Amino acid sequence: MANYFIEFSKNYIFWTSAAAWLIAQSIKVALGVFREKRFNFRWFIGTGGMPSSHAASVSALATSIGVTYGFDSALFSVTLIFTLVVMFDAQGVRHSTGKQAEILNKMLDDIYWKKKLDEKELKELIGHTPVEVFAGAFLGIIVSLLLYK
């Protein structure tokens, strides 16, 4: 059993993806602290923001697979499709959901002030803009290439 842990600890592909996610999340925290002059732990574990940690981790995954197994391999093709789906979702569906939450929160605010209802706000920063996704993808590719053994 200990051999499995040792083998996993040497998994370059997993660790580059994890590093890209960690770096992207750390950048979000640093930008949040710079922008708001305070620290909020939710920035580290939350979704949305610049750069996209979703895009960073999956693009690092795809790049690592391509570098390791070849960009003409079936495994790279599957990973690339997975990466594109995740990035499309992060930018498209999730971003639209955030916009809907923003509108619903405005409606709840109106109801609260007119009828005194106390409702919890929906989370608005769910998805990413195309720029955030592109920045995350670029970050993931760079991290993967820098960490390539």
C-alpha atoms as a PDB file:
ATOM      1  CA  MET A   1       0.000   0.000   0.000  1.00  0.00           C
ATOM      2  CA  ALA A   2       2.835   2.395   0.801  1.00  0.00           C
ATOM      3  CA  ASN A   3       4.129   1.880  -2.750  1.00  0.00           C
ATOM      4  CA  TYR A   4       0.929   3.410  -4.147  1.00  0.00           C
ATOM      5  CA  PHE A   5       1.494   6.578  -2.144  1.00  0.00           C
ATOM      6  CA  ILE A   6       5.117   6.752  -3.232  1.00  0.00           C
ATOM      7  CA  GLU A   7       4.114   6.242  -6.870  1.00  0.00           C
ATOM      8  CA  PHE A   8       1.386   8.871  -6.614  1.00  0.00           C
ATOM      9  CA  SER A   9       3.753  11.378  -5.003  1.00  0.00           C
ATOM     10  CA  LYS A  10       5.849  11.159  -8.197  1.00  0.00           C
ATOM     11  CA  ASN A  11       2.902  11.833 -10.507  1.00  0.00           C
ATOM     12  CA  TYR A  12       4.136  14.839 -12.488  1.00  0.00           C
ATOM     13  CA  ILE A  13       0.830  15.282 -14.281  1.00  0.00           C
ATOM     14  CA  PHE A  14      -1.228  15.509 -11.090  1.00  0.00           C
ATOM     15  CA  TRP A  15       1.223  17.831  -9.335  1.00  0.00           C
ATOM     16  CA  THR A  16       1.484  20.259 -12.260  1.00  0.00           C
ATOM     17  CA  SER A  17      -2.311  20.507 -12.389  1.00  0.00           C
ATOM     18  CA  ALA A  18      -2.457  21.027  -8.627  1.00  0.00           C
ATOM     19  CA  ALA A  19       0.326  23.633  -8.809  1.00  0.00           C
ATOM     20  CA  ALA A  20      -1.478  25.547 -11.556  1.00  0.00           C
ATOM     21  CA  TRP A  21      -4.679  25.564  -9.471  1.00  0.00           C
ATOM     22  CA  LEU A  22      -2.792  26.706  -6.350  1.00  0.00           C
ATOM     23  CA  ILE A  23      -0.958  29.467  -8.212  1.00  0.00           C
ATOM     24  CA  ALA A  24      -4.188  30.723  -9.835  1.00  0.00           C
ATOM     25  CA  GLN A  25      -6.005  30.763  -6.489  1.00  0.00           C
ATOM     26  CA  SER A  26      -3.049  32.536  -4.847  1.00  0.00           C
ATOM     27  CA  ILE A  27      -3.107  35.207  -7.564  1.00  0.00           C
ATOM     28  CA  LYS A  28      -6.831  35.726  -6.867  1.00  0.00           C
ATOM     29  CA  VAL A  29      -6.121  36.200  -3.157  1.00  0.00           C
ATOM     30  CA  ALA A  30      -3.260  38.625  -3.857  1.00  0.00           C
ATOM     31  CA  LEU A  31      -5.440  40.640  -6.236  1.00  0.00           C
ATOM     32  CA  GLY A  32      -8.276  40.665  -3.699  1.00  0.00           C
ATOM     33  CA  VAL A  33      -5.997  41.880  -0.907  1.00  0.00           C
ATOM     34  CA  PHE A  34      -4.552  44.554  -3.195  1.00  0.00           C
ATOM     35  CA  ARG A  35      -8.005  45.667  -4.382  1.00  0.00           C
ATOM     36  CA  GLU A  36      -9.856  45.612  -1.046  1.00  0.00           C
ATOM     37  CA  LYS A  37      -6.967  46.097   1.418  1.00  0.00           C
ATOM     38  CA  ARG A  38      -8.096  43.091   3.456  1.00  0.00           C
ATOM     39  CA  PHE A  39      -7.813  39.294   3.411  1.00  0.00           C
ATOM     40  CA  ASN A  40     -10.803  37.061   2.835  1.00  0.00           C
ATOM     41  CA  PHE A  41     -10.238  33.281   2.966  1.00  0.00           C
ATOM     42  CA  ARG A  42     -13.225  32.771   0.663  1.00  0.00           C
ATOM     43  CA  TRP A  43     -11.121  34.175  -2.171  1.00  0.00           C
ATOM     44  CA  PHE A  44      -8.848  31.156  -1.851  1.00  0.00           C
ATOM     45  CA  ILE A  45     -11.544  28.487  -1.957  1.00  0.00           C
ATOM     46  CA  GLY A  46     -14.196  30.350  -3.940  1.00  0.00           C
ATOM     47  CA  THR A  47     -15.034  30.292  -7.628  1.00  0.00           C
ATOM     48  CA  GLY A  48     -14.824  33.077 -10.162  1.00  0.00           C
ATOM     49  CA  GLY A  49     -12.211  35.786 -10.478  1.00  0.00           C
ATOM     50  CA  MET A  50      -8.941  36.380 -12.292  1.00  0.00           C
ATOM     51  CA  PRO A  51      -7.354  34.083 -13.380  1.00  0.00           C
ATOM     52  CA  SER A  52      -9.619  31.064 -13.754  1.00  0.00           C
ATOM     53  CA  SER A  53      -8.228  28.233 -11.641  1.00  0.00           C
ATOM     54  CA  HIS A  54     -10.487  25.843 -13.564  1.00  0.00           C
ATOM     55  CA  ALA A  55      -8.816  26.813 -16.822  1.00  0.00           C
ATOM     56  CA  ALA A  56      -5.358  26.821 -15.234  1.00  0.00           C
ATOM     57  CA  SER A  57      -5.649  23.307 -13.801  1.00  0.00           C
ATOM     58  CA  VAL A  58      -7.191  21.654 -16.874  1.00  0.00           C
ATOM     59  CA  SER A  59      -4.858  23.371 -19.322  1.00  0.00           C
ATOM     60  CA  ALA A  60      -1.903  22.256 -17.178  1.00  0.00           C
ATOM     61  CA  LEU A  61      -3.392  18.745 -17.237  1.00  0.00           C
ATOM     62  CA  ALA A  62      -3.754  18.736 -21.030  1.00  0.00           C
ATOM     63  CA  THR A  63      -0.306  20.234 -21.592  1.00  0.00           C
ATOM     64  CA  SER A  64       1.315  17.718 -19.226  1.00  0.00           C
ATOM     65  CA  ILE A  65      -0.466  14.847 -20.969  1.00  0.00           C
ATOM     66  CA  GLY A  66       0.637  16.171 -24.355  1.00  0.00           C
ATOM     67  CA  VAL A  67       4.247  16.606 -23.286  1.00  0.00           C
ATOM     68  CA  THR A  68       4.367  13.196 -21.597  1.00  0.00           C
ATOM     69  CA  TYR A  69       2.397  11.001 -24.026  1.00  0.00           C
ATOM     70  CA  GLY A  70       2.573  13.049 -27.219  1.00  0.00           C
ATOM     71  CA  PHE A  71       0.248  15.609 -28.695  1.00  0.00           C
ATOM     72  CA  ASP A  72      -0.895  12.987 -31.209  1.00  0.00           C
ATOM     73  CA  SER A  73      -1.979  10.473 -28.527  1.00  0.00           C
ATOM     74  CA  ALA A  74      -5.559   9.431 -27.872  1.00  0.00           C
ATOM     75  CA  LEU A  75      -5.089  10.367 -24.205  1.00  0.00           C
ATOM     76  CA  PHE A  76      -4.173  13.940 -25.164  1.00  0.00           C
ATOM     77  CA  SER A  77      -7.247  14.154 -27.429  1.00  0.00           C
ATOM     78  CA  VAL A  78      -9.547  13.057 -24.606  1.00  0.00           C
ATOM     79  CA  THR A  79      -7.882  15.453 -22.181  1.00  0.00           C
ATOM     80  CA  LEU A  80      -8.068  18.328 -24.655  1.00  0.00           C
ATOM     81  CA  ILE A  81     -11.815  17.787 -25.177  1.00  0.00           C
ATOM     82  CA  PHE A  82     -12.274  17.633 -21.388  1.00  0.00           C
ATOM     83  CA  THR A  83     -10.267  20.869 -21.051  1.00  0.00           C
ATOM     84  CA  LEU A  84     -12.341  22.668 -23.667  1.00  0.00           C
ATOM     85  CA  VAL A  85     -15.610  21.558 -22.022  1.00  0.00           C
ATOM     86  CA  VAL A  86     -14.446  22.750 -18.587  1.00  0.00           C
ATOM     87  CA  MET A  87     -13.252  26.095 -19.960  1.00  0.00           C
ATOM     88  CA  PHE A  88     -16.476  26.600 -21.939  1.00  0.00           C
ATOM     89  CA  ASP A  89     -18.492  25.801 -18.824  1.00  0.00           C
ATOM     90  CA  ALA A  90     -16.394  28.119 -16.644  1.00  0.00           C
ATOM     91  CA  GLN A  91     -16.894  30.978 -19.081  1.00  0.00           C
ATOM     92  CA  GLY A  92     -20.349  30.327 -20.470  1.00  0.00           C
ATOM     93  CA  VAL A  93     -22.820  28.527 -18.247  1.00  0.00           C
ATOM     94  CA  ARG A  94     -21.286  29.498 -14.916  1.00  0.00           C
ATOM     95  CA  HIS A  95     -20.845  33.144 -15.939  1.00  0.00           C
ATOM     96  CA  SER A  96     -24.492  33.311 -17.039  1.00  0.00           C
ATOM     97  CA  THR A  97     -25.556  31.777 -13.724  1.00  0.00           C
ATOM     98  CA  GLY A  98     -23.635  34.528 -11.928  1.00  0.00           C
ATOM     99  CA  LYS A  99     -25.395  37.204 -13.957  1.00  0.00           C
ATOM    100  CA  GLN A 100     -28.765  35.635 -13.103  1.00  0.00           C
ATOM    101  CA  ALA A 101     -27.800  35.626  -9.419  1.00  0.00           C
ATOM    102  CA  GLU A 102     -26.938  39.327  -9.673  1.00  0.00           C
ATOM    103  CA  ILE A 103     -30.374  40.120 -11.125  1.00  0.00           C
ATOM    104  CA  LEU A 104     -32.147  37.958  -8.545  1.00  0.00           C
ATOM    105  CA  ASN A 105     -30.249  39.679  -5.742  1.00  0.00           C
ATOM    106  CA  LYS A 106     -31.419  43.067  -7.030  1.00  0.00           C
ATOM    107  CA  MET A 107     -34.981  41.744  -7.077  1.00  0.00           C
ATOM    108  CA  LEU A 108     -34.619  40.424  -3.523  1.00  0.00           C
ATOM    109  CA  ASP A 109     -33.222  43.777  -2.455  1.00  0.00           C
ATOM    110  CA  ASP A 110     -36.290  45.515  -3.893  1.00  0.00           C
ATOM    111  CA  ILE A 111     -38.604  43.041  -2.158  1.00  0.00           C
ATOM    112  CA  TYR A 112     -36.727  43.476   1.115  1.00  0.00           C
ATOM    113  CA  TRP A 113     -37.092  47.256   1.098  1.00  0.00           C
ATOM    114  CA  LYS A 114     -40.735  47.192   0.034  1.00  0.00           C
ATOM    115  CA  LYS A 115     -42.083  44.189   1.972  1.00  0.00           C
ATOM    116  CA  LYS A 116     -39.436  43.651   4.659  1.00  0.00           C
ATOM    117  CA  LEU A 117     -38.410  40.151   3.531  1.00  0.00           C
ATOM    118  CA  ASP A 118     -35.003  38.999   4.745  1.00  0.00           C
ATOM    119  CA  GLU A 119     -33.525  36.641   2.146  1.00  0.00           C
ATOM    120  CA  LYS A 120     -29.964  35.438   1.791  1.00  0.00           C
ATOM    121  CA  GLU A 121     -28.215  36.703  -1.342  1.00  0.00           C
ATOM    122  CA  LEU A 122     -27.174  34.290  -4.069  1.00  0.00           C
ATOM    123  CA  LYS A 123     -23.505  34.017  -4.931  1.00  0.00           C
ATOM    124  CA  GLU A 124     -22.809  36.165  -7.990  1.00  0.00           C
ATOM    125  CA  LEU A 125     -19.157  35.388  -8.749  1.00  0.00           C
ATOM    126  CA  ILE A 126     -19.721  31.875 -10.020  1.00  0.00           C
ATOM    127  CA  GLY A 127     -18.232  31.935 -13.498  1.00  0.00           C
ATOM    128  CA  HIS A 128     -15.493  33.622 -15.456  1.00  0.00           C
ATOM    129  CA  THR A 129     -15.177  36.152 -18.222  1.00  0.00           C
ATOM    130  CA  PRO A 130     -13.390  35.041 -21.409  1.00  0.00           C
ATOM    131  CA  VAL A 131     -10.303  37.025 -20.341  1.00  0.00           C
ATOM    132  CA  GLU A 132     -10.184  35.224 -16.980  1.00  0.00           C
ATOM    133  CA  VAL A 133     -10.454  31.841 -18.742  1.00  0.00           C
ATOM    134  CA  PHE A 134      -7.745  32.770 -21.248  1.00  0.00           C
ATOM    135  CA  ALA A 135      -5.441  33.999 -18.459  1.00  0.00           C
ATOM    136  CA  GLY A 136      -6.022  30.782 -16.511  1.00  0.00           C
ATOM    137  CA  ALA A 137      -5.339  28.622 -19.569  1.00  0.00           C
ATOM    138  CA  PHE A 138      -2.144  30.536 -20.319  1.00  0.00           C
ATOM    139  CA  LEU A 139      -1.048  30.193 -16.677  1.00  0.00           C
ATOM    140  CA  GLY A 140      -1.704  26.440 -16.718  1.00  0.00           C
ATOM    141  CA  ILE A 141       0.308  25.897 -19.893  1.00  0.00           C
ATOM    142  CA  ILE A 142       3.235  27.935 -18.537  1.00  0.00           C
ATOM    143  CA  VAL A 143       3.206  26.105 -15.162  1.00  0.00           C
ATOM    144  CA  SER A 144       3.125  22.725 -16.910  1.00  0.00           C
ATOM    145  CA  LEU A 145       6.023  23.602 -19.194  1.00  0.00           C
ATOM    146  CA  LEU A 146       8.082  25.115 -16.354  1.00  0.00           C
ATOM    147  CA  LEU A 147       7.580  22.046 -14.166  1.00  0.00           C
ATOM    148  CA  TYR A 148       8.250  19.551 -16.976  1.00  0.00           C
ATOM    149  CA  LYS A 149      10.967  17.183 -15.921  1.00  0.00           C
END
